[in-house]
Amino acid sequence: MVRAPSNFVVLELEEAGAKVQYDAFTGVYNFKRDSLSGLKEADGDVENGVQQALTAIRLAQRANAAEFAPQEFDEAQRALDSIVAISNGTATGSKRTDAMARDAVRLAVEAENIARARALAGIPGSRF
């Protein structure tokens, strides 16, 4: 569902003190999280479906989906609203919530892609 791989790279050294050179990144770098060093490990599975759905909606908003793909964006927003109503804003890890979150992500990505295509073509969205 992504157009390009993430710039975030995780490297694991096979021997202590080994040197690694990585020159593939270009562009603006978010310095606030340049390393996972010092962060606590998760104790088990991390349930983040609701967070993924929220992020997908934000990315669709950033692509002006409300303007260029209003029907699709509204559908994605309604899906997210349903999840939040059920989970009370937290990732519950239930199969139902996880399935709803995946669907919301799918709908938001679809709205984002349609909005980007219409924006490039100069075609405004329409409401029927």
Foldseek 3Di string as FASTA:
>chain_A
DDPDDDPDDDDDDPDPPDDDDDDPDDDDDDPPPNDCPPPDDDPDDDQCLLVLLVVLLVLLVVLVLCKAPVVLSVVLVVLSVVLCVVVVNDRPPDPVSNVSSVVSSVSSVVSSVRSNVCVVVVHIHDDD
